[in-house]
Structure formats: C-alpha cells, structure tokens
Amino acid sequence: MNRVGHNKRAKKWTGLLLVFVLILGGLSTPFSQYMALPSEMRLFSGTLKELNLSLPTTATVTVANPSVLAVNGVNHSPVHVDLSRPFTLLSRQMGHTQLTLNLFGKLPLKKMKVNVLPDLKVVPGGQSIGVQLKAKGVLVVGHHRVGQDRLSPGARADIRVGDYILSMDGESVRGVQDVARIVKKAGDENRPVKTVIQRDEQKKQVMLNPVKDSGSDVYRIGLYVRDSAAGVGTLTFYDPNKKRYGALGHVITDIDTGQPIRPGGGNVVQSNVTSIQKGQSGDPGEKRAIFFRENQVVGSILHNTQFGIFGKMKQSPDSSHDQQAIPVGLSEEVKEGPAQILTVVEGQKVERYDIEIVHLIHQKFPATKGMIIKVTDPRLLNKTGGIVQGMSGSPIIQDGKLVGAVTHVFVNDPTSGYGTYIEWMLKDAGVLNTAGLQKPAVFCSFAEKVVKREE
C-alpha cells in the first residue's frame, strides 16, 4: 500500500475514534440512540419519521433514490444536517433505497436500507363471528373394527389417522355422504374402491375393500371421518379496498387428531355471545355463543393458516366498534406499555378494553407468539377473568394503530396471554405484499363444535 493511501485510511479511523471518544466521554444517551439505529428500516408511504441522535457534530445524509425517501423535505441528495437537532425522513413512494450518514461529510457512520411499503389502513374488528369450515375432502379421525376382523378395512389399506380422502372411484369426495354412497355401490358390486388419499403433502392411491357389518347389514370401511368443523371466534380486521378479512389469529386444528383441517371452502356468519364462563387458574374459560342469521353469510373462507382464517368479505359487519379504517403498525413500531383490545363479551356489542403489552418477542420470521399481553381493564377482568376461548383474534390497538391480535391465553394465569403481530395476518390475507416479509407455510385447523360419523 502506498504512503498516500495509508495516510488517508489512518485519518479516517482516527476521526472515527475521536467521534466515539466524544460520545463515550459522557454522552451515553446519544450513544445509545446511535446504537439503536437499525440496519434496515420499513416505512409506509407518506410516513414522516424523526431521527434524533443528539450528537454535537454535523453530517451529510445521502439517499440513493431521493424519489423514494426525502431528508428534511429536501428533494436532492446529499443533505447537510446538524446532528444536535432532530432530522426527518419522509417516505414518498413504494420502493427500496439506501441511506448513508457521513460525519463531517466524509466519514461513514451508518448505512441503512429503507423499504417503503404502500400506504395501508384497515377497519379493526372485534366482532364475534361464527365459523363454518368445510374440509378439502374428508379427514380420517379414527379406526373401528368391522365384524370380527382384528384390523379395519381402512387400516388394511394403510389409511391412517390424519389422512385426507380426496376421491373414490374417480369421484371427488366432498362430504361423508359421498363416502357412504360410493362405499355402498362398491359393496353391492363386490369390488374394492380405488381411493386417493393425501398424507402431509403427498398423494397416494390405495384399494379399499368394503365389508358388510352383520349387525346393521351396511357396508363399512372401518374409518371415522369428518368433513367439516364449526365454532366461534373473533374478527381481527377488514380491508375495505381489497374486500378481505382476517380472523382468529391462530391455527385451527381438528379436535380429535390435532391435525390441520385443509380448507375446502366455508362461510363466516354473525355470532351472538350468550354467556361467559369466567377464566381461572387451570381453566381459561370461554365465550358461549350461538350462530346468528346463518342464512346471511358475512364472508367466505379461502385460507386457513397458522395465523387464522382469511377470505373475502363484502363489507365489515354492522356491529363494528368503529367503521373508520386506521393505520397499521409494523412489528418494530410496537412498544411495551398500554394498549387496548376490541372484543365482545355480551350479545354483539364490540367494546374497547385496556391491556398492557408487557414483553415483545422480536421476530425475523412469522410466528404466532410475538408479544405477551396482560388484561388490566377492571370491567373485562370482572366479566371474564381475563382472556377466554373465543377471544382469539381480538385486535390489539396501540397509539391509534392496529398492531396485533390476541392468540393464546396462559392456562395458569387467564389475565395474560400471547398476541401475534398484525403484519403476519395481513400477509396471509393478501393485504400486505412485500418481499421483506416471509410467507408462512399454509396449513390449518379449527374445531369446537364438530360432527363425527362412522363409516
């Protein structure tokens, strides 16, 4: 390396060292503010964000694409700033850019990737809803013997609990009635049934031999199957632009097998809360509710993921607490402290209750347990004891933004539970689209009131 290059590099590092000595020599708050600056930042379009480092020095801020991000409202780059005073970032349009902070205009102090997302507002939910979920095919939930045989016909065909029966004799199976009809026809004709099943992500063809039950004179295959599930939950949000919704905030599993129910359609209807079983240690309690106006479908069910159910909805249900759309808060905007939830504890009236976000779990990838919350509102504690079953999906509001949804209750402490960040639900609903978020695997489950049928 030549002497000139060596001198330049030495000056650069000497300058940086002097700056950090100044910071560490008593200015602990500015130092912590500097260390808190992220290497990546996400903003919704039109957002004005203020940065305050309180450093006794000047700097230049360079933005690779000023059309995406403006510093102090200036249209060009670089921009000279006084770090002893706050400076602002205005996100102008959707896109990506890089921001570089240089001390004295020469020494690079920080580089930050900035991702500007489309402006997004949704209507918060809180309504109690009835869920009528139809499975894709029929789900095998158990085996039973037919006659004196040790193994059932289904077990002999290597059909297992958790498998889905998709078709029989080339005909799509949409319900338990289809299974009964096709099995009877094959039994009468004394032949096996060519059956296609799905196990995990693999499809498999098996031959299923119906056996006549001597006690009932009916052909059976020795399987317990289920084609639907129904229950109640809470609507989280409604997007008036894309006419889409999200609800429940957690995965829905079959009540017997614990396996996901692969959605094959379904409807959302209104629900009326009739009573509350109050939660206590060891028993989280539940909302008792009935379906209301079942013939008036509120929305359709298209997806059922680890973050709840998602689909289309023409309009937000009439019982909304507030029909006005509000901004969405990304996970990095959520902070520990006071917040509110919207939920129903009687009839169809959505009310706002105080909670505390007591701990945040920072996530790089989608996961349902993103925050720990605690109910602090005396009215809700008196009525429910805290978080109860059926409250999952209740939207969490902080500083006027929708930031999450209730997901789980602590069994030994019903006043507390988990919440999920709202951005994961918005992603699964197809409302928030950005390469900066990872798409979770689609699977599903849900059942509180179910019908079990023997075939």
Protein backbone atom coordinates (compact mmCIF):
# COMPACT_ATOMS: atom_id res chain seq x y z
CA MET A 1 0.00 0.00 0.00
CA ASN A 2 1.44 3.44 -0.91
CA ARG A 3 2.05 6.14 1.70
CA VAL A 4 -0.79 8.39 0.46
CA GLY A 5 -3.38 5.63 0.79
CA HIS A 6 -2.06 4.67 4.20
CA ASN A 7 -2.33 8.27 5.45
CA LYS A 8 -5.93 8.61 4.21
CA ARG A 9 -7.02 5.42 5.93
CA ALA A 10 -5.23 6.43 9.13
CA LYS A 11 -7.01 9.80 9.14
CA LYS A 12 -10.35 8.14 8.55
CA TRP A 13 -10.02 5.77 11.50
CA THR A 14 -8.51 8.49 13.71
CA GLY A 15 -11.54 10.68 13.01
CA LEU A 16 -13.95 7.88 13.82
CA LEU A 17 -12.08 7.10 17.01
CA LEU A 18 -12.26 10.75 18.10
CA VAL A 19 -16.00 10.85 17.48
CA PHE A 20 -16.63 7.75 19.56
CA VAL A 21 -14.41 9.06 22.32
CA LEU A 22 -16.58 12.19 22.40
CA ILE A 23 -19.70 10.09 22.56
CA LEU A 24 -18.47 7.70 25.20
CA GLY A 25 -16.93 10.51 27.22
CA GLY A 26 -20.19 11.32 28.95
CA LEU A 27 -22.84 11.36 26.20
CA SER A 28 -24.40 7.98 26.96
CA THR A 29 -27.85 8.89 25.64
CA PRO A 30 -26.65 9.85 22.13
CA PHE A 31 -24.52 6.73 22.04
CA SER A 32 -27.50 4.52 22.89
CA GLN A 33 -29.58 6.34 20.27
CA TYR A 34 -26.90 5.69 17.68
CA MET A 35 -26.67 2.02 18.63
CA ALA A 36 -30.46 1.76 18.37
CA LEU A 37 -30.43 2.81 14.72
CA PRO A 38 -31.41 -0.27 12.69
CA SER A 39 -29.52 -1.51 9.66
CA GLU A 40 -32.88 -1.84 7.89
CA MET A 41 -35.99 0.32 8.18
CA ARG A 42 -39.53 -0.17 6.88
CA LEU A 43 -41.95 2.70 6.41
CA PHE A 44 -45.40 3.02 4.91
CA SER A 45 -45.67 5.51 2.06
CA GLY A 46 -46.38 9.03 3.33
CA THR A 47 -44.88 8.39 6.78
CA LEU A 48 -42.83 11.14 8.44
CA LYS A 49 -40.23 9.69 10.82
CA GLU A 50 -37.98 11.74 13.09
CA LEU A 51 -34.43 10.67 14.00
CA ASN A 52 -32.67 12.30 16.94
CA LEU A 53 -29.05 11.39 17.70
CA SER A 54 -28.17 14.49 19.78
CA LEU A 55 -24.56 14.39 18.60
CA PRO A 56 -22.51 17.61 18.81
CA THR A 57 -21.44 17.47 15.18
CA THR A 58 -22.61 17.92 11.60
CA ALA A 59 -23.12 15.30 8.93
CA THR A 60 -24.39 14.69 5.42
CA VAL A 61 -27.17 12.25 4.64
CA THR A 62 -27.08 10.61 1.23
CA VAL A 63 -30.12 8.81 -0.20
CA ALA A 64 -29.56 6.56 -3.19
CA ASN A 65 -33.06 7.23 -4.54
CA PRO A 66 -34.49 10.61 -3.37
CA SER A 67 -37.79 9.89 -5.14
CA VAL A 68 -38.43 7.15 -2.55
CA LEU A 69 -37.18 8.97 0.56
CA ALA A 70 -36.65 12.67 1.37
CA VAL A 71 -34.48 14.03 4.20
CA ASN A 72 -35.81 17.18 5.91
CA GLY A 73 -38.19 17.61 2.96
CA VAL A 74 -35.32 18.22 0.54
CA ASN A 75 -35.67 16.85 -3.00
CA HIS A 76 -31.98 16.29 -3.66
CA SER A 77 -29.12 14.34 -2.10
CA PRO A 78 -26.85 14.67 -0.14
CA VAL A 79 -28.41 16.81 2.60
CA HIS A 80 -26.41 18.60 5.31
CA VAL A 81 -27.81 18.05 8.82
CA ASP A 82 -26.94 19.20 12.33
CA LEU A 83 -26.95 16.04 14.45
CA SER A 84 -27.50 18.04 17.62
CA ARG A 85 -31.05 18.55 16.33
CA PRO A 86 -33.65 16.05 15.07
CA PHE A 87 -33.94 15.47 11.31
CA THR A 88 -36.83 13.87 9.43
CA LEU A 89 -37.34 11.14 6.85
CA LEU A 90 -40.39 11.35 4.58
CA SER A 91 -41.31 8.19 2.66
CA ARG A 92 -42.65 9.33 -0.70
CA GLN A 93 -43.45 6.26 -2.75
CA MET A 94 -43.16 2.48 -2.65
CA GLY A 95 -39.63 1.22 -3.31
CA HIS A 96 -36.20 0.48 -1.87
CA THR A 97 -33.27 2.79 -1.24
CA GLN A 98 -30.17 3.15 0.92
CA LEU A 99 -29.45 5.93 3.37
CA THR A 100 -25.84 6.75 4.31
CA LEU A 101 -24.88 9.01 7.22
CA ASN A 102 -21.43 10.60 6.90
CA LEU A 103 -19.82 12.58 9.72
CA PHE A 104 -18.33 15.88 8.59
CA GLY A 105 -19.46 14.88 5.11
CA LYS A 106 -16.61 12.36 4.76
CA LEU A 107 -16.51 9.70 7.48
CA PRO A 108 -19.23 7.00 7.00
CA LEU A 109 -21.05 6.49 10.31
CA LYS A 110 -24.13 4.43 9.34
CA LYS A 111 -25.66 2.72 6.33
CA MET A 112 -29.33 1.83 6.39
CA LYS A 113 -31.56 0.02 3.90
CA VAL A 114 -35.00 1.61 3.67
CA ASN A 115 -38.04 -0.28 2.34
CA VAL A 116 -41.10 1.88 1.66
CA LEU A 117 -44.39 -0.07 1.62
CA PRO A 118 -47.72 1.00 0.11
CA ASP A 119 -49.91 3.06 2.44
CA LEU A 120 -52.25 0.71 4.29
CA LYS A 121 -55.28 1.25 6.52
CA VAL A 122 -57.83 -1.36 7.63
CA VAL A 123 -61.01 -1.41 9.71
CA PRO A 124 -60.35 -3.06 13.10
CA GLY A 125 -62.73 -5.90 14.00
CA GLY A 126 -63.64 -7.26 17.43
CA GLN A 127 -66.96 -8.81 16.34
CA SER A 128 -67.86 -12.31 17.45
CA ILE A 129 -68.20 -14.49 14.34
CA GLY A 130 -69.44 -17.97 13.59
CA VAL A 131 -67.11 -20.13 11.50
CA GLN A 132 -68.42 -22.91 9.23
CA LEU A 133 -65.32 -24.56 7.79
CA LYS A 134 -65.54 -27.20 5.06
CA ALA A 135 -62.65 -29.63 4.70
CA LYS A 136 -60.97 -30.39 1.38
CA GLY A 137 -62.10 -33.99 1.11
CA VAL A 138 -62.83 -35.86 4.37
CA LEU A 139 -60.43 -36.17 7.26
CA VAL A 140 -59.77 -39.57 8.83
CA VAL A 141 -60.02 -39.15 12.61
CA GLY A 142 -60.05 -42.79 13.77
CA HIS A 143 -60.44 -46.50 13.03
CA HIS A 144 -63.02 -49.05 14.18
CA ARG A 145 -63.34 -52.80 13.71
CA VAL A 146 -65.92 -54.26 11.38
CA GLY A 147 -67.17 -57.67 12.46
CA GLN A 148 -64.55 -59.99 13.97
CA ASP A 149 -61.59 -58.73 11.92
CA ARG A 150 -58.66 -57.50 14.02
CA LEU A 151 -57.85 -54.76 11.50
CA SER A 152 -60.42 -52.48 9.90
CA PRO A 153 -60.63 -52.32 6.07
CA GLY A 154 -59.21 -48.80 6.26
CA ALA A 155 -56.21 -49.93 8.32
CA ARG A 156 -55.55 -52.83 5.92
CA ALA A 157 -55.43 -50.28 3.07
CA ASP A 158 -52.86 -48.26 5.08
CA ILE A 159 -55.19 -45.31 5.57
CA ARG A 160 -54.05 -43.52 8.71
CA VAL A 161 -55.47 -41.01 11.16
CA GLY A 162 -54.79 -37.53 9.75
CA ASP A 163 -55.06 -38.64 6.12
CA TYR A 164 -57.49 -36.90 3.78
CA ILE A 165 -59.67 -38.91 1.42
CA LEU A 166 -59.78 -36.82 -1.76
CA SER A 167 -61.53 -39.12 -4.24
CA MET A 168 -63.09 -42.58 -4.52
CA ASP A 169 -63.60 -44.41 -7.82
CA GLY A 170 -62.51 -41.26 -9.66
CA GLU A 171 -65.17 -39.09 -7.99
CA SER A 172 -64.18 -36.15 -5.79
CA VAL A 173 -65.24 -36.64 -2.19
CA ARG A 174 -66.78 -33.52 -0.67
CA GLY A 175 -68.51 -34.98 2.38
CA VAL A 176 -69.30 -38.04 4.46
CA GLN A 177 -72.43 -38.63 2.36
CA ASP A 178 -70.26 -39.13 -0.73
CA VAL A 179 -68.20 -41.73 1.13
CA ALA A 180 -71.28 -43.66 2.25
CA ARG A 181 -72.80 -43.66 -1.25
CA ILE A 182 -69.65 -44.78 -3.06
CA VAL A 183 -68.86 -47.48 -0.47
CA LYS A 184 -72.39 -48.88 -0.71
CA LYS A 185 -72.22 -49.07 -4.50
CA ALA A 186 -68.82 -50.83 -4.44
CA GLY A 187 -70.04 -53.26 -1.76
CA ASP A 188 -73.15 -54.13 -3.73
CA GLU A 189 -70.93 -54.80 -6.75
CA ASN A 190 -68.50 -56.82 -4.63
CA ARG A 191 -65.40 -54.89 -5.65
CA PRO A 192 -62.78 -52.63 -3.99
CA VAL A 193 -62.87 -48.86 -4.09
CA LYS A 194 -59.99 -47.08 -5.82
CA THR A 195 -59.22 -44.37 -3.25
CA VAL A 196 -56.89 -41.36 -3.45
CA ILE A 197 -55.65 -40.04 -0.12
CA GLN A 198 -53.38 -37.18 0.88
CA ARG A 199 -50.85 -37.58 3.68
CA ASP A 200 -48.96 -34.43 4.53
CA GLU A 201 -48.04 -33.08 1.08
CA GLN A 202 -48.03 -36.46 -0.72
CA LYS A 203 -50.92 -38.09 -2.60
CA LYS A 204 -51.31 -41.84 -2.63
CA GLN A 205 -53.70 -44.32 -4.27
CA VAL A 206 -54.94 -47.33 -2.29
CA MET A 207 -57.54 -50.08 -2.79
CA LEU A 208 -60.21 -50.11 -0.09
CA ASN A 209 -62.39 -53.22 0.38
CA PRO A 210 -65.83 -52.56 1.96
CA VAL A 211 -67.02 -55.16 4.48
CA LYS A 212 -70.67 -55.76 5.36
CA ASP A 213 -71.43 -55.20 9.02
CA SER A 214 -73.57 -58.17 10.07
CA GLY A 215 -75.17 -56.17 12.85
CA SER A 216 -76.54 -53.41 10.61
CA ASP A 217 -76.35 -55.03 7.15
CA VAL A 218 -74.41 -51.95 5.94
CA TYR A 219 -71.09 -51.91 4.07
CA ARG A 220 -68.37 -50.22 6.11
CA ILE A 221 -64.69 -49.34 5.70
CA GLY A 222 -63.79 -49.08 9.39
CA LEU A 223 -62.97 -45.37 9.43
CA TYR A 224 -64.23 -42.44 11.42
CA VAL A 225 -64.28 -39.43 9.10
CA ARG A 226 -65.14 -35.77 9.36
CA ASP A 227 -65.86 -33.24 6.61
CA SER A 228 -66.46 -30.00 8.49
CA ALA A 229 -65.97 -28.05 11.68
CA ALA A 230 -67.81 -25.17 13.29
CA GLY A 231 -67.17 -22.79 16.16
CA VAL A 232 -66.90 -19.18 17.19
CA GLY A 233 -64.02 -16.71 17.14
CA THR A 234 -63.28 -13.01 16.70
CA LEU A 235 -62.83 -10.92 13.57
CA THR A 236 -59.49 -9.11 13.54
CA PHE A 237 -59.65 -6.73 10.58
CA TYR A 238 -61.42 -5.90 7.33
CA ASP A 239 -59.72 -4.30 4.32
CA PRO A 240 -62.32 -2.08 2.57
CA ASN A 241 -60.17 -1.75 -0.57
CA LYS A 242 -59.46 -5.41 -1.29
CA LYS A 243 -62.64 -6.66 0.45
CA ARG A 244 -60.65 -9.15 2.52
CA TYR A 245 -60.63 -10.03 6.18
CA GLY A 246 -58.57 -11.87 8.81
CA ALA A 247 -59.80 -13.58 11.97
CA LEU A 248 -58.87 -15.88 14.89
CA GLY A 249 -55.13 -15.14 14.98
CA HIS A 250 -54.11 -18.79 15.39
CA VAL A 251 -54.11 -22.10 13.60
CA ILE A 252 -57.26 -24.25 13.68
CA THR A 253 -56.81 -27.97 14.34
CA ASP A 254 -59.12 -30.94 14.35
CA ILE A 255 -60.42 -31.54 17.85
CA ASP A 256 -59.65 -35.29 17.87
CA THR A 257 -56.44 -35.65 15.88
CA GLY A 258 -54.81 -32.26 16.41
CA GLN A 259 -54.15 -32.31 12.67
CA PRO A 260 -54.74 -29.31 10.39
CA ILE A 261 -58.04 -29.18 8.53
CA ARG A 262 -57.25 -28.42 4.91
CA PRO A 263 -59.86 -25.88 3.82
CA GLY A 264 -62.23 -26.72 1.03
CA GLY A 265 -64.41 -23.65 1.45
CA GLY A 266 -66.69 -22.40 4.16
CA ASN A 267 -68.53 -19.36 5.44
CA VAL A 268 -68.36 -16.74 8.16
CA VAL A 269 -71.67 -15.73 9.77
CA GLN A 270 -72.66 -13.44 12.61
CA SER A 271 -72.45 -14.74 16.16
CA ASN A 272 -74.20 -13.69 19.36
CA VAL A 273 -72.43 -14.12 22.73
CA THR A 274 -74.94 -15.54 25.21
CA SER A 275 -72.78 -16.03 28.31
CA ILE A 276 -69.23 -16.19 29.63
CA GLN A 277 -67.55 -18.99 31.54
CA LYS A 278 -65.11 -16.97 33.62
CA GLY A 279 -61.46 -17.96 33.43
CA GLN A 280 -59.44 -19.03 36.45
CA SER A 281 -56.07 -20.65 37.08
CA GLY A 282 -56.01 -24.01 35.29
CA ASP A 283 -59.17 -23.20 33.33
CA PRO A 284 -59.05 -20.38 30.75
CA GLY A 285 -62.82 -20.13 30.42
CA GLU A 286 -64.76 -19.48 27.22
CA LYS A 287 -67.32 -17.40 25.39
CA ARG A 288 -70.60 -19.21 24.87
CA ALA A 289 -72.17 -18.05 21.64
CA ILE A 290 -74.69 -19.05 19.00
CA PHE A 291 -74.72 -18.53 15.26
CA PHE A 292 -76.95 -15.61 14.32
CA ARG A 293 -78.75 -15.28 10.96
CA GLU A 294 -76.93 -18.26 9.46
CA ASN A 295 -78.57 -17.68 6.08
CA GLN A 296 -76.86 -14.26 5.86
CA VAL A 297 -73.27 -15.13 5.00
CA VAL A 298 -70.82 -12.41 6.06
CA GLY A 299 -67.74 -13.77 4.30
CA SER A 300 -66.13 -16.76 2.62
CA ILE A 301 -63.20 -18.84 3.90
CA LEU A 302 -60.37 -19.21 1.38
CA HIS A 303 -57.33 -19.88 3.56
CA ASN A 304 -56.70 -21.29 7.00
CA THR A 305 -53.13 -20.78 8.23
CA GLN A 306 -51.24 -20.71 11.49
CA PHE A 307 -52.48 -17.12 11.87
CA GLY A 308 -56.20 -17.83 11.42
CA ILE A 309 -58.79 -17.82 8.67
CA PHE A 310 -58.79 -15.47 5.70
CA GLY A 311 -61.10 -14.81 2.81
CA LYS A 312 -63.40 -12.34 1.13
CA MET A 313 -65.99 -10.12 2.77
CA LYS A 314 -68.21 -7.60 1.02
CA GLN A 315 -68.36 -5.22 3.96
CA SER A 316 -67.48 -5.02 7.62
CA PRO A 317 -70.24 -6.44 9.87
CA ASP A 318 -72.73 -3.87 11.15
CA SER A 319 -71.68 -4.32 14.79
CA SER A 320 -68.23 -2.76 14.27
CA HIS A 321 -66.93 -0.60 17.13
CA ASP A 322 -65.64 1.87 14.55
CA GLN A 323 -66.22 1.71 10.79
CA GLN A 324 -63.27 4.03 10.13
CA ALA A 325 -60.07 2.49 8.76
CA ILE A 326 -56.98 3.08 10.91
CA PRO A 327 -53.23 2.81 10.18
CA VAL A 328 -51.33 -0.43 10.63
CA GLY A 329 -48.31 -0.66 12.94
CA LEU A 330 -45.37 -2.82 11.84
CA SER A 331 -43.70 -5.06 14.42
CA GLU A 332 -40.81 -2.63 15.00
CA GLU A 333 -43.30 0.12 15.88
CA VAL A 334 -44.92 -1.84 18.71
CA LYS A 335 -43.63 -0.96 22.18
CA GLU A 336 -44.11 -2.25 25.67
CA GLY A 337 -46.79 -0.32 27.51
CA PRO A 338 -50.52 0.47 27.43
CA ALA A 339 -52.74 -0.75 24.57
CA GLN A 340 -56.37 -1.78 24.01
CA ILE A 341 -58.25 -4.73 22.57
CA LEU A 342 -61.63 -4.78 20.84
CA THR A 343 -63.89 -7.72 21.66
CA VAL A 344 -67.46 -8.83 22.52
CA VAL A 345 -68.47 -10.19 25.92
CA GLU A 346 -72.23 -9.81 25.58
CA GLY A 347 -74.52 -10.01 22.57
CA GLN A 348 -72.91 -8.38 19.55
CA LYS A 349 -71.59 -5.20 21.15
CA VAL A 350 -67.91 -4.57 20.44
CA GLU A 351 -66.18 -2.73 23.28
CA ARG A 352 -62.66 -1.42 23.91
CA TYR A 353 -60.72 -2.73 26.92
CA ASP A 354 -57.34 -1.74 28.39
CA ILE A 355 -54.39 -4.14 28.31
CA GLU A 356 -50.64 -3.88 28.84
CA ILE A 357 -48.06 -5.17 26.37
CA VAL A 358 -45.55 -6.47 28.92
CA HIS A 359 -42.97 -8.10 26.63
CA LEU A 360 -42.09 -8.08 22.93
CA ILE A 361 -40.51 -11.02 21.11
CA HIS A 362 -38.58 -9.68 18.12
CA GLN A 363 -39.16 -11.91 15.09
CA LYS A 364 -37.35 -12.11 11.78
CA PHE A 365 -39.74 -14.80 10.57
CA PRO A 366 -43.50 -15.32 11.05
CA ALA A 367 -44.55 -16.80 14.39
CA THR A 368 -47.80 -16.56 16.32
CA LYS A 369 -46.34 -15.64 19.72
CA GLY A 370 -44.92 -12.17 19.15
CA MET A 371 -45.92 -10.37 22.33
CA ILE A 372 -47.05 -11.11 25.87
CA ILE A 373 -50.11 -9.14 26.96
CA LYS A 374 -51.93 -8.67 30.24
CA VAL A 375 -55.54 -7.57 30.74
CA THR A 376 -55.69 -4.54 33.07
CA ASP A 377 -59.26 -3.32 32.50
CA PRO A 378 -61.35 -3.95 35.67
CA ARG A 379 -64.53 -4.35 33.59
CA LEU A 380 -63.10 -7.19 31.50
CA LEU A 381 -61.45 -8.86 34.49
CA ASN A 382 -64.74 -8.79 36.37
CA LYS A 383 -66.68 -10.20 33.42
CA THR A 384 -64.28 -12.82 32.01
CA GLY A 385 -61.34 -13.11 34.40
CA GLY A 386 -59.06 -12.09 31.52
CA ILE A 387 -58.60 -13.84 28.18
CA VAL A 388 -61.06 -16.63 27.38
CA GLN A 389 -61.54 -19.05 24.49
CA GLY A 390 -63.39 -17.35 21.66
CA MET A 391 -61.48 -14.12 22.27
CA SER A 392 -58.68 -15.18 19.92
CA GLY A 393 -58.43 -12.75 17.03
CA SER A 394 -59.42 -9.70 19.09
CA PRO A 395 -57.50 -6.78 17.54
CA ILE A 396 -54.80 -5.04 19.59
CA ILE A 397 -54.69 -1.24 19.19
CA GLN A 398 -51.76 0.93 20.29
CA ASP A 399 -51.35 4.67 19.64
CA GLY A 400 -54.23 4.60 17.17
CA LYS A 401 -52.70 1.80 15.08
CA LEU A 402 -53.69 -1.84 14.63
CA VAL A 403 -50.58 -3.71 15.81
CA GLY A 404 -51.66 -7.26 16.59
CA ALA A 405 -54.27 -9.80 17.65
CA VAL A 406 -54.88 -11.95 20.72
CA THR A 407 -53.88 -15.58 20.11
CA HIS A 408 -53.46 -17.66 23.27
CA VAL A 409 -54.18 -17.47 27.00
CA PHE A 410 -51.86 -18.63 29.78
CA VAL A 411 -53.72 -21.57 31.33
CA ASN A 412 -52.32 -20.87 34.79
CA ASP A 413 -52.90 -17.12 34.52
CA PRO A 414 -56.01 -16.21 32.48
CA THR A 415 -55.25 -12.49 32.87
CA SER A 416 -52.29 -12.92 30.49
CA GLY A 417 -51.58 -14.43 27.11
CA TYR A 418 -49.88 -14.11 23.75
CA GLY A 419 -50.52 -11.81 20.83
CA THR A 420 -49.30 -12.00 17.24
CA TYR A 421 -48.02 -9.10 15.17
CA ILE A 422 -50.67 -7.93 12.72
CA GLU A 423 -48.32 -7.88 9.73
CA TRP A 424 -48.22 -11.70 9.62
CA MET A 425 -52.03 -11.83 9.39
CA LEU A 426 -52.09 -9.09 6.76
CA LYS A 427 -49.57 -11.06 4.73
CA ASP A 428 -51.66 -14.25 4.82
CA ALA A 429 -54.77 -12.27 3.89
CA GLY A 430 -53.03 -10.95 0.77
CA VAL A 431 -53.38 -7.39 2.03
CA LEU A 432 -49.72 -6.63 2.79
CA ASN A 433 -47.41 -7.66 -0.04
CA THR A 434 -43.68 -7.07 0.30
CA ALA A 435 -40.55 -9.08 -0.29
CA GLY A 436 -39.41 -8.01 3.16
CA LEU A 437 -41.83 -10.43 4.81
CA GLN A 438 -41.52 -14.21 4.63
CA LYS A 439 -44.64 -16.14 3.70
CA PRO A 440 -45.54 -18.79 6.27
CA ALA A 441 -46.49 -22.29 5.24
CA VAL A 442 -50.23 -22.65 4.71
CA PHE A 443 -51.87 -25.18 6.95
CA CYS A 444 -54.97 -25.08 9.03
CA SER A 445 -57.07 -26.33 11.87
CA PHE A 446 -60.17 -25.47 13.87
CA ALA A 447 -62.93 -27.28 15.67
CA GLU A 448 -65.04 -26.62 18.72
CA LYS A 449 -68.40 -27.98 17.61
CA VAL A 450 -67.93 -30.97 15.30
CA VAL A 451 -69.84 -33.85 13.82
CA LYS A 452 -68.30 -37.34 13.94
CA ARG A 453 -69.56 -40.02 11.64
CA GLU A 454 -68.81 -43.72 11.43
CA GLU A 455 -68.41 -45.34 8.00
